[in-house]
N, C-alpha and C. Protein backbone atom coordinates (compact mmCIF):
# COMPACT_ATOMS: atom_id res chain seq x y z
N MET A 1 31.28 5.64 25.25
CA MET A 1 30.82 4.39 24.59
C MET A 1 29.31 4.43 24.57
N PRO A 2 28.74 4.18 23.43
CA PRO A 2 27.28 4.21 23.33
C PRO A 2 26.62 3.10 24.17
N ARG A 3 25.38 3.19 24.47
CA ARG A 3 24.71 2.28 25.34
C ARG A 3 24.50 0.88 24.71
N GLU A 4 24.09 0.88 23.41
CA GLU A 4 23.84 -0.47 22.75
C GLU A 4 24.55 -0.57 21.46
N LEU A 5 25.33 -1.62 21.32
CA LEU A 5 26.06 -1.90 20.11
C LEU A 5 25.40 -3.09 19.41
N ILE A 6 25.43 -3.09 18.05
CA ILE A 6 24.89 -4.24 17.31
C ILE A 6 25.97 -4.68 16.35
N ASP A 7 26.11 -5.95 16.32
CA ASP A 7 27.02 -6.64 15.36
C ASP A 7 26.57 -6.26 13.90
N ALA A 8 27.57 -5.82 13.13
CA ALA A 8 27.16 -5.31 11.78
C ALA A 8 28.08 -5.88 10.74
N GLY A 9 29.16 -6.69 11.12
CA GLY A 9 29.98 -7.18 10.03
C GLY A 9 31.29 -7.80 10.70
N LYS A 10 32.06 -8.25 9.76
CA LYS A 10 33.36 -8.83 10.10
C LYS A 10 34.46 -8.36 9.25
N ILE A 11 35.64 -8.05 9.75
CA ILE A 11 36.71 -7.67 8.97
C ILE A 11 37.37 -8.98 8.48
N VAL A 12 37.35 -9.10 7.12
CA VAL A 12 37.73 -10.46 6.58
C VAL A 12 39.22 -10.32 6.05
N ASN A 13 39.68 -9.04 5.82
CA ASN A 13 41.09 -8.93 5.27
C ASN A 13 41.48 -7.51 5.34
N THR A 14 42.80 -7.29 4.96
CA THR A 14 43.27 -5.96 4.76
C THR A 14 43.01 -5.53 3.34
N HIS A 15 43.23 -4.23 3.01
CA HIS A 15 43.05 -3.83 1.55
C HIS A 15 44.17 -2.76 1.29
N GLY A 16 45.00 -3.16 0.46
CA GLY A 16 46.10 -2.24 0.17
C GLY A 16 47.11 -2.30 1.20
N VAL A 17 48.08 -1.28 1.18
CA VAL A 17 49.12 -1.24 2.14
C VAL A 17 49.13 -0.10 3.12
N ARG A 18 48.04 0.68 3.11
CA ARG A 18 48.01 1.83 3.90
C ARG A 18 46.99 1.69 5.18
N GLY A 19 46.57 0.43 5.40
CA GLY A 19 45.79 0.23 6.65
C GLY A 19 44.33 0.07 6.41
N ALA A 20 43.85 0.06 5.14
CA ALA A 20 42.38 -0.08 4.93
C ALA A 20 41.99 -1.59 5.28
N VAL A 21 40.76 -1.73 5.63
CA VAL A 21 40.22 -3.04 6.06
C VAL A 21 39.04 -3.34 5.04
N LYS A 22 38.93 -4.69 4.86
CA LYS A 22 37.83 -5.11 3.96
C LYS A 22 36.74 -5.78 4.97
N ILE A 23 35.55 -5.19 4.95
CA ILE A 23 34.50 -5.62 5.89
C ILE A 23 33.45 -6.36 5.09
N GLU A 24 33.13 -7.55 5.65
CA GLU A 24 31.90 -8.31 5.18
C GLU A 24 30.79 -7.79 5.95
N PRO A 25 29.85 -7.04 5.36
CA PRO A 25 28.76 -6.49 6.16
C PRO A 25 27.64 -7.55 6.43
N TRP A 26 27.06 -7.45 7.59
CA TRP A 26 25.95 -8.34 8.02
C TRP A 26 24.65 -7.45 7.92
N THR A 27 24.62 -6.44 7.15
CA THR A 27 23.55 -5.58 7.06
C THR A 27 22.78 -5.85 5.75
N ASP A 28 21.63 -5.18 5.53
CA ASP A 28 20.81 -5.40 4.35
C ASP A 28 21.62 -5.10 3.07
N THR A 29 22.45 -4.04 3.11
CA THR A 29 23.28 -3.70 2.01
C THR A 29 24.58 -3.12 2.55
N PRO A 30 25.63 -3.32 1.71
CA PRO A 30 26.95 -2.69 2.15
C PRO A 30 26.88 -1.12 2.24
N GLU A 31 26.02 -0.49 1.52
CA GLU A 31 25.82 0.90 1.55
C GLU A 31 25.39 1.39 2.90
N PHE A 32 24.53 0.60 3.53
CA PHE A 32 24.04 0.91 4.88
C PHE A 32 25.23 1.05 5.82
N LEU A 33 26.14 0.05 5.83
CA LEU A 33 27.32 0.10 6.77
C LEU A 33 28.28 1.21 6.36
N ARG A 34 28.51 1.42 5.07
CA ARG A 34 29.37 2.39 4.55
C ARG A 34 29.04 3.81 5.12
N ALA A 35 27.79 4.01 5.40
CA ALA A 35 27.36 5.36 5.83
C ALA A 35 27.79 5.73 7.25
N PHE A 36 28.26 4.86 8.08
CA PHE A 36 28.55 5.24 9.46
C PHE A 36 29.89 5.94 9.59
N SER A 37 29.87 6.97 10.54
CA SER A 37 31.08 7.71 10.74
C SER A 37 31.94 7.19 11.84
N ARG A 38 31.42 6.16 12.56
CA ARG A 38 32.25 5.49 13.54
C ARG A 38 31.82 4.01 13.64
N LEU A 39 32.78 3.21 13.95
CA LEU A 39 32.61 1.74 14.07
C LEU A 39 33.27 1.33 15.39
N PHE A 40 32.82 0.25 15.99
CA PHE A 40 33.42 -0.27 17.15
C PHE A 40 33.99 -1.70 16.87
N ILE A 41 35.19 -1.88 17.33
CA ILE A 41 35.89 -3.17 17.02
C ILE A 41 36.66 -3.53 18.32
N GLY A 42 36.27 -4.73 18.87
CA GLY A 42 37.00 -5.23 19.98
C GLY A 42 36.92 -4.25 21.23
N GLY A 43 35.71 -3.58 21.30
CA GLY A 43 35.50 -2.63 22.43
C GLY A 43 36.02 -1.22 22.27
N ALA A 44 36.81 -0.98 21.19
CA ALA A 44 37.37 0.31 20.90
C ALA A 44 36.48 0.96 19.75
N GLU A 45 36.53 2.32 19.85
CA GLU A 45 35.79 3.18 18.88
C GLU A 45 36.79 3.66 17.78
N TYR A 46 36.42 3.50 16.54
CA TYR A 46 37.23 3.99 15.45
C TYR A 46 36.38 4.95 14.65
N GLU A 47 37.06 6.11 14.28
CA GLU A 47 36.42 7.03 13.39
C GLU A 47 36.66 6.51 11.98
N VAL A 48 35.57 6.50 11.17
CA VAL A 48 35.70 6.13 9.76
C VAL A 48 36.22 7.27 8.94
N GLN A 49 37.47 7.24 8.36
CA GLN A 49 37.97 8.32 7.70
C GLN A 49 37.40 8.27 6.20
N SER A 50 37.31 7.13 5.66
CA SER A 50 36.78 6.95 4.39
C SER A 50 36.09 5.57 4.25
N ALA A 51 35.18 5.38 3.40
CA ALA A 51 34.58 4.10 3.22
C ALA A 51 33.96 4.02 1.81
N SER A 52 34.16 2.95 1.17
CA SER A 52 33.55 2.68 -0.14
C SER A 52 33.05 1.18 -0.22
N VAL A 53 32.25 1.06 -1.22
CA VAL A 53 31.69 -0.29 -1.54
C VAL A 53 32.44 -0.93 -2.66
N LEU A 54 32.89 -2.11 -2.45
CA LEU A 54 33.57 -2.93 -3.41
C LEU A 54 32.90 -4.25 -3.55
N ASN A 55 32.07 -4.45 -4.62
CA ASN A 55 31.20 -5.59 -4.76
C ASN A 55 30.27 -5.66 -3.63
N THR A 56 30.43 -6.67 -2.75
CA THR A 56 29.53 -6.77 -1.61
C THR A 56 30.28 -6.47 -0.30
N PHE A 57 31.44 -5.88 -0.38
CA PHE A 57 32.20 -5.57 0.85
C PHE A 57 32.30 -4.07 1.05
N VAL A 58 32.61 -3.66 2.26
CA VAL A 58 32.95 -2.26 2.49
C VAL A 58 34.48 -2.16 2.83
N ILE A 59 35.14 -1.28 2.06
CA ILE A 59 36.55 -1.00 2.23
C ILE A 59 36.58 0.33 3.08
N ALA A 60 37.21 0.23 4.21
CA ALA A 60 37.20 1.35 5.17
C ALA A 60 38.62 1.67 5.67
N THR A 61 38.94 2.97 5.77
CA THR A 61 40.15 3.43 6.49
C THR A 61 39.65 3.99 7.80
N LEU A 62 40.30 3.58 8.81
CA LEU A 62 39.91 3.84 10.18
C LEU A 62 41.02 4.70 10.88
N SER A 63 40.46 5.49 11.83
CA SER A 63 41.44 6.29 12.64
C SER A 63 42.46 5.32 13.43
N ASN A 64 43.64 5.76 13.45
CA ASN A 64 44.72 5.03 14.13
C ASN A 64 45.12 3.67 13.49
N VAL A 65 44.61 3.42 12.31
CA VAL A 65 44.99 2.21 11.57
C VAL A 65 45.57 2.65 10.21
N ASP A 66 46.83 2.88 10.23
CA ASP A 66 47.43 3.48 9.03
C ASP A 66 48.57 2.66 8.40
N THR A 67 48.68 1.42 8.87
CA THR A 67 49.61 0.43 8.23
C THR A 67 49.00 -0.81 8.00
N ILE A 68 49.56 -1.64 7.15
CA ILE A 68 48.94 -2.97 6.87
C ILE A 68 49.01 -3.86 8.04
N GLU A 69 50.06 -3.65 8.87
CA GLU A 69 50.31 -4.45 10.03
C GLU A 69 49.15 -4.12 11.12
N ALA A 70 48.80 -2.86 11.16
CA ALA A 70 47.70 -2.48 12.10
C ALA A 70 46.39 -3.01 11.64
N ALA A 71 46.15 -2.94 10.29
CA ALA A 71 44.95 -3.53 9.81
C ALA A 71 44.90 -5.03 9.96
N HIS A 72 45.99 -5.67 9.84
CA HIS A 72 46.09 -7.15 9.92
C HIS A 72 45.67 -7.55 11.39
N LEU A 73 45.95 -6.74 12.35
CA LEU A 73 45.53 -7.11 13.70
C LEU A 73 44.00 -7.12 13.92
N LEU A 74 43.30 -6.50 13.00
CA LEU A 74 41.84 -6.41 13.11
C LEU A 74 41.11 -7.56 12.35
N ARG A 75 41.88 -8.27 11.63
CA ARG A 75 41.27 -9.45 10.84
C ARG A 75 40.50 -10.32 11.72
N ASN A 76 39.38 -10.75 11.22
CA ASN A 76 38.40 -11.69 11.86
C ASN A 76 37.73 -11.09 13.05
N LYS A 77 37.84 -9.86 13.29
CA LYS A 77 37.05 -9.22 14.36
C LYS A 77 35.72 -8.71 13.94
N THR A 78 34.84 -8.77 14.85
CA THR A 78 33.44 -8.32 14.54
C THR A 78 33.35 -6.84 14.63
N VAL A 79 32.77 -6.24 13.60
CA VAL A 79 32.45 -4.78 13.57
C VAL A 79 31.10 -4.50 14.08
N GLN A 80 31.07 -3.51 15.10
CA GLN A 80 29.69 -3.15 15.57
C GLN A 80 29.41 -1.71 15.28
N ILE A 81 28.06 -1.40 15.34
CA ILE A 81 27.63 -0.03 15.22
C ILE A 81 26.83 0.38 16.40
N ALA A 82 26.72 1.55 16.74
CA ALA A 82 25.90 2.12 17.76
C ALA A 82 24.48 2.15 17.33
N LYS A 83 23.56 1.46 18.02
CA LYS A 83 22.14 1.41 17.55
C LYS A 83 21.59 2.81 17.34
N ASP A 84 22.03 3.76 18.19
CA ASP A 84 21.53 5.17 18.16
C ASP A 84 21.99 5.86 16.82
N ASP A 85 23.16 5.44 16.24
CA ASP A 85 23.56 5.97 15.05
C ASP A 85 22.86 5.40 13.72
N ALA A 86 22.06 4.45 13.88
CA ALA A 86 21.49 3.72 12.73
C ALA A 86 20.17 4.44 12.27
N PRO A 87 20.16 4.96 11.07
CA PRO A 87 18.87 5.47 10.61
C PRO A 87 18.04 4.38 9.99
N LEU A 88 16.87 4.12 10.53
CA LEU A 88 16.00 3.08 9.99
C LEU A 88 14.76 3.69 9.28
N ASP A 89 14.40 3.05 8.21
CA ASP A 89 13.17 3.53 7.55
C ASP A 89 11.99 3.14 8.43
N ASP A 90 10.89 3.84 8.11
CA ASP A 90 9.63 3.55 8.91
C ASP A 90 9.28 2.19 8.81
N GLY A 91 9.05 1.50 9.90
CA GLY A 91 8.63 0.06 9.92
C GLY A 91 9.77 -0.93 9.92
N ALA A 92 11.00 -0.46 9.68
CA ALA A 92 12.20 -1.27 9.75
C ALA A 92 12.62 -1.59 11.24
N VAL A 93 13.14 -2.77 11.41
CA VAL A 93 13.62 -3.07 12.72
C VAL A 93 14.96 -3.82 12.62
N PHE A 94 15.62 -3.90 13.64
CA PHE A 94 16.90 -4.66 13.71
C PHE A 94 16.51 -6.12 13.96
N VAL A 95 17.20 -7.04 13.33
CA VAL A 95 16.98 -8.49 13.49
C VAL A 95 17.17 -8.81 15.02
N ALA A 96 18.25 -8.22 15.58
CA ALA A 96 18.56 -8.43 17.01
C ALA A 96 17.36 -8.11 17.89
N ASP A 97 16.49 -7.12 17.51
CA ASP A 97 15.36 -6.79 18.36
C ASP A 97 14.21 -7.69 18.23
N ILE A 98 14.19 -8.62 17.15
CA ILE A 98 12.94 -9.47 17.00
C ILE A 98 13.28 -10.92 17.51
N ILE A 99 14.56 -11.24 17.63
CA ILE A 99 14.83 -12.58 18.07
C ILE A 99 14.43 -12.73 19.61
N GLY A 100 13.69 -13.77 19.84
CA GLY A 100 13.16 -14.02 21.18
C GLY A 100 11.70 -13.52 21.42
N LEU A 101 11.19 -12.75 20.43
CA LEU A 101 9.77 -12.20 20.61
C LEU A 101 8.84 -13.32 20.40
N ASP A 102 7.64 -13.12 21.13
CA ASP A 102 6.62 -14.13 20.96
C ASP A 102 5.99 -14.04 19.60
N ALA A 103 5.66 -15.14 18.91
CA ALA A 103 4.93 -15.24 17.69
C ALA A 103 3.43 -15.46 17.99
N ILE A 104 2.61 -14.49 17.65
CA ILE A 104 1.24 -14.55 17.91
C ILE A 104 0.36 -14.79 16.68
N ASP A 105 -0.62 -15.61 16.81
CA ASP A 105 -1.57 -15.86 15.64
C ASP A 105 -2.53 -14.66 15.60
N ASP A 106 -2.49 -13.98 14.42
CA ASP A 106 -3.35 -12.76 14.30
C ASP A 106 -4.88 -13.05 14.45
N GLU A 107 -5.26 -14.25 14.01
CA GLU A 107 -6.66 -14.58 14.03
C GLU A 107 -7.18 -14.95 15.50
N THR A 108 -6.36 -15.72 16.18
CA THR A 108 -6.79 -16.22 17.58
C THR A 108 -6.23 -15.45 18.70
N GLY A 109 -5.12 -14.74 18.41
CA GLY A 109 -4.43 -14.01 19.46
C GLY A 109 -3.63 -14.88 20.39
N GLU A 110 -3.45 -16.13 20.00
CA GLU A 110 -2.71 -17.05 20.82
C GLU A 110 -1.25 -17.06 20.42
N ARG A 111 -0.34 -17.32 21.41
CA ARG A 111 1.09 -17.50 21.18
C ARG A 111 1.24 -18.98 20.66
N PHE A 112 2.04 -19.02 19.56
CA PHE A 112 2.29 -20.36 19.04
C PHE A 112 3.81 -20.57 18.96
N GLY A 113 4.65 -19.71 19.45
CA GLY A 113 6.09 -19.88 19.43
C GLY A 113 6.86 -18.63 19.67
N GLU A 114 8.17 -18.82 19.43
CA GLU A 114 9.17 -17.68 19.68
C GLU A 114 9.92 -17.57 18.45
N ILE A 115 10.22 -16.31 18.05
CA ILE A 115 11.13 -16.04 16.90
C ILE A 115 12.55 -16.46 17.30
N ALA A 116 13.08 -17.42 16.55
CA ALA A 116 14.43 -17.88 16.84
C ALA A 116 15.50 -17.39 15.92
N ASP A 117 15.08 -17.00 14.69
CA ASP A 117 16.08 -16.52 13.71
C ASP A 117 15.35 -15.83 12.61
N PHE A 118 16.16 -15.19 11.82
CA PHE A 118 15.60 -14.41 10.57
C PHE A 118 16.62 -14.74 9.51
N LEU A 119 16.14 -15.34 8.37
CA LEU A 119 16.92 -15.66 7.22
C LEU A 119 16.81 -14.58 6.19
N ALA A 120 17.78 -13.93 5.78
CA ALA A 120 17.81 -12.94 4.68
C ALA A 120 17.99 -13.61 3.37
N LEU A 121 16.93 -13.95 2.68
CA LEU A 121 16.99 -14.65 1.43
C LEU A 121 16.85 -13.60 0.31
N PRO A 122 17.36 -14.06 -0.93
CA PRO A 122 17.23 -13.07 -2.08
C PRO A 122 15.89 -12.46 -2.35
N ALA A 123 14.81 -13.32 -2.32
CA ALA A 123 13.55 -12.72 -2.69
C ALA A 123 12.86 -11.97 -1.51
N HIS A 124 13.02 -12.44 -0.31
CA HIS A 124 12.51 -11.82 0.87
C HIS A 124 13.01 -12.49 2.07
N GLY A 125 12.99 -11.90 3.23
CA GLY A 125 13.34 -12.55 4.46
C GLY A 125 12.29 -13.52 4.92
N VAL A 126 12.81 -14.41 5.86
CA VAL A 126 11.89 -15.49 6.40
C VAL A 126 12.17 -15.52 7.85
N TYR A 127 11.09 -15.54 8.63
CA TYR A 127 11.20 -15.67 10.11
C TYR A 127 11.23 -17.21 10.39
N VAL A 128 12.04 -17.57 11.34
CA VAL A 128 12.07 -18.98 11.85
C VAL A 128 11.55 -18.91 13.27
N VAL A 129 10.37 -19.62 13.36
CA VAL A 129 9.63 -19.65 14.71
C VAL A 129 9.79 -21.02 15.26
N LYS A 130 10.30 -21.06 16.59
CA LYS A 130 10.27 -22.27 17.33
C LYS A 130 8.86 -22.50 17.80
N ASN A 131 8.32 -23.61 17.37
CA ASN A 131 6.85 -23.84 17.58
C ASN A 131 6.55 -24.60 18.83
N ASP A 132 6.95 -24.17 19.91
CA ASP A 132 6.71 -24.76 21.23
C ASP A 132 6.73 -26.32 21.23
N GLY A 133 7.99 -26.81 20.87
CA GLY A 133 8.27 -28.24 20.97
C GLY A 133 7.97 -28.99 19.66
N LYS A 134 7.31 -28.29 18.64
CA LYS A 134 7.09 -28.96 17.43
C LYS A 134 8.13 -28.50 16.35
N ASP A 135 7.90 -28.93 15.10
CA ASP A 135 8.87 -28.45 14.08
C ASP A 135 8.80 -26.96 13.96
N ASP A 136 9.99 -26.39 13.52
CA ASP A 136 10.04 -24.97 13.27
C ASP A 136 9.09 -24.50 12.20
N ILE A 137 8.60 -23.43 12.28
CA ILE A 137 7.72 -22.80 11.27
C ILE A 137 8.53 -21.62 10.50
N LEU A 138 8.58 -21.68 9.17
CA LEU A 138 9.18 -20.76 8.39
C LEU A 138 8.00 -19.81 7.85
N ILE A 139 8.17 -18.53 8.18
CA ILE A 139 7.11 -17.56 7.73
C ILE A 139 7.79 -16.46 6.91
N PRO A 140 7.25 -16.27 5.71
CA PRO A 140 7.89 -15.23 4.80
C PRO A 140 7.65 -13.84 5.47
N ALA A 141 8.64 -12.98 5.39
CA ALA A 141 8.66 -11.65 5.91
C ALA A 141 7.97 -10.72 4.91
N VAL A 142 6.79 -10.91 4.64
CA VAL A 142 5.94 -10.08 3.67
C VAL A 142 4.70 -9.58 4.40
N PRO A 143 4.14 -8.55 3.89
CA PRO A 143 2.87 -7.94 4.58
C PRO A 143 1.75 -8.91 4.65
N GLU A 144 1.60 -9.86 3.74
CA GLU A 144 0.47 -10.77 3.78
C GLU A 144 0.51 -11.75 5.06
N PHE A 145 1.76 -11.89 5.53
CA PHE A 145 1.89 -12.75 6.68
C PHE A 145 2.32 -12.06 8.00
N VAL A 146 3.01 -10.98 7.86
CA VAL A 146 3.44 -10.17 9.02
C VAL A 146 2.51 -9.07 9.26
N ARG A 147 1.63 -9.17 10.28
CA ARG A 147 0.57 -8.18 10.47
C ARG A 147 1.07 -7.00 11.39
N GLU A 148 1.89 -7.38 12.41
CA GLU A 148 2.32 -6.27 13.34
C GLU A 148 3.66 -6.73 14.06
N ILE A 149 4.57 -5.80 14.10
CA ILE A 149 5.77 -6.03 14.78
C ILE A 149 5.74 -5.00 15.96
N ASN A 150 5.72 -5.58 17.24
CA ASN A 150 5.72 -4.72 18.36
C ASN A 150 6.79 -5.02 19.35
N ILE A 151 7.99 -4.29 19.09
CA ILE A 151 9.14 -4.63 19.91
C ILE A 151 8.91 -4.35 21.46
N GLN A 152 8.27 -3.26 21.71
CA GLN A 152 8.01 -2.91 23.08
C GLN A 152 7.01 -3.88 23.76
N GLY A 153 6.07 -4.37 22.98
CA GLY A 153 5.11 -5.32 23.50
C GLY A 153 5.61 -6.76 23.51
N GLY A 154 6.73 -6.95 22.88
CA GLY A 154 7.42 -8.20 22.91
C GLY A 154 6.85 -9.31 21.96
N PHE A 155 6.17 -8.87 20.87
CA PHE A 155 5.61 -9.87 20.01
C PHE A 155 5.59 -9.41 18.50
N VAL A 156 5.45 -10.43 17.67
CA VAL A 156 5.13 -10.21 16.33
C VAL A 156 3.85 -11.00 16.04
N ARG A 157 2.91 -10.36 15.33
CA ARG A 157 1.62 -10.95 15.06
C ARG A 157 1.60 -11.46 13.52
N PHE A 158 1.35 -12.65 13.37
CA PHE A 158 1.44 -13.31 12.09
C PHE A 158 0.04 -13.83 11.55
N ARG A 159 -0.16 -13.70 10.30
CA ARG A 159 -1.39 -14.27 9.70
C ARG A 159 -0.95 -15.64 9.18
N LEU A 160 -1.45 -16.63 9.81
CA LEU A 160 -1.07 -17.97 9.43
C LEU A 160 -2.03 -18.62 8.44
N ILE A 161 -1.52 -19.46 7.54
CA ILE A 161 -2.34 -20.10 6.60
C ILE A 161 -2.08 -21.62 6.67
N GLU A 162 -3.02 -22.36 6.14
CA GLU A 162 -2.88 -23.87 6.15
C GLU A 162 -1.60 -24.22 5.52
N GLY A 163 -0.83 -25.12 6.19
CA GLY A 163 0.39 -25.64 5.63
C GLY A 163 1.67 -24.99 6.19
N LEU A 164 1.56 -23.92 6.98
CA LEU A 164 2.68 -23.30 7.62
C LEU A 164 3.08 -24.07 8.82
């Protein structure tokens, strides 16, 4: 079993009568999830025998799941991937790695909150920062505002503007 697993989707239904499952991906694209050769469901490892994208879903056939009854038992279960199996582009990070990091003002160097969530919106992502007892701050995930992401250092440095 790999050291660190990341939630990557949910099995929402069966597909066909031969045990395929329909997965709602929680990744940037269904193609990202489709590329994995193994998935983890309920603590068990499954080899992906085939996977394809259907609209916004991943249709997968998994090892030892060869009947509709076996696939039905996996409905509503969370699909996980091994973090070590995930190829990330330069500068890309997992949302799970940024939640809880300190939000730092790039100009002053002062901490102004903690990253509480990340919203994947159609135009671009948005960081939700708990502002130390004040209203949450929503910061667009674009280079003009996100100056540095330092997972090891435990912070994200933001350029703040009036009105945020």
